[in-house]
Amino acid sequence: MGRVLVMVVSLVCYAAFFASFVYLVGWVGGFDFMPTHIDKGLEAPMITAVLINIGLIALFGIQHSVMARPGFKAAWTKVIPAASERSIYCLITAVVLGAMFHFWAPIEGSLWSVQNETARMVIWGLFWLGWGILFISTWLLNHFELFGLQQAWHNLTGKEAADPAMRTPLFYKLVRHPIYTGFFIAFWATPDMTYSHLLGAVGFTVYIMIGISYEERDLLDVFGEQYAEYRKRVGAFLPGIGKVS
């Protein structure tokens, strides 16, 4: 694959992922103007809906975690250019999210519904805070590398990537995985916790805990004792919780 084509593919993949991310915000928020959202989608009996939705969360978790593992990357980059690996990962993530948006089957019923307007505003504030933490966290280390653009640019210009260096800016001083922190807050901060939303929140929280365990193995392999010491001082995705002695 030519260098220019790799760059073009990277830009297309980034655009697809960014679009899916924006849709995800509205989907989790359950906004009425959305074509589908966590409480609006395919109709199915409750048991069927639960099984479908768990399957969709599992599909996201498997794709997101397996494709990020070094062993998979080593095999995958024998098929595609190494400079495209992260971009293709983001594209497939967008496809999986698209499947979730389309096939999610809402479940009737509600666990809580906050009626006080001030309380609702506070909860919505937390919802947007979660997404803000997530988005800002992608920039704190390297947004363009995280989504594959930097790799394609280095490939295009012939520039060598710098060796990985461990840094802990801003949110990373409080939690080891602030991107997951943002997801956690955004999923749980809702004034109207329907059973459909509850399943999504619980499912993605389970995914977060599993995903962290796999990611930390890779980070220990890369940064060794430096990361081990970091785990002793800083919580996983909630401040002070999940320290590893």
Foldseek 3Di string as FASTA:
>chain_A
DDLVVLLVLLVVLLVLLVVLVVLQLCQLQVDPVRPFHLARADADPQVVLLVQLLVLLVVLLCLLQVLPDPVNLVVVCVVPPNLNSLSVSSNVSSVSSVCCRHPRHHDAFFPAADDDPVLQVVLVVLLVVLVVQLVVVCVVQPVCVNNRNVSSVCSNVVHDDDQDDDDQPDCSLFAVCQNLLSVLSNLPSHNIGGPSSVSVNVSVVVSLVVSQVSVVVVVCVRPPPVVLVSLQNYDHHHGPHNRDD
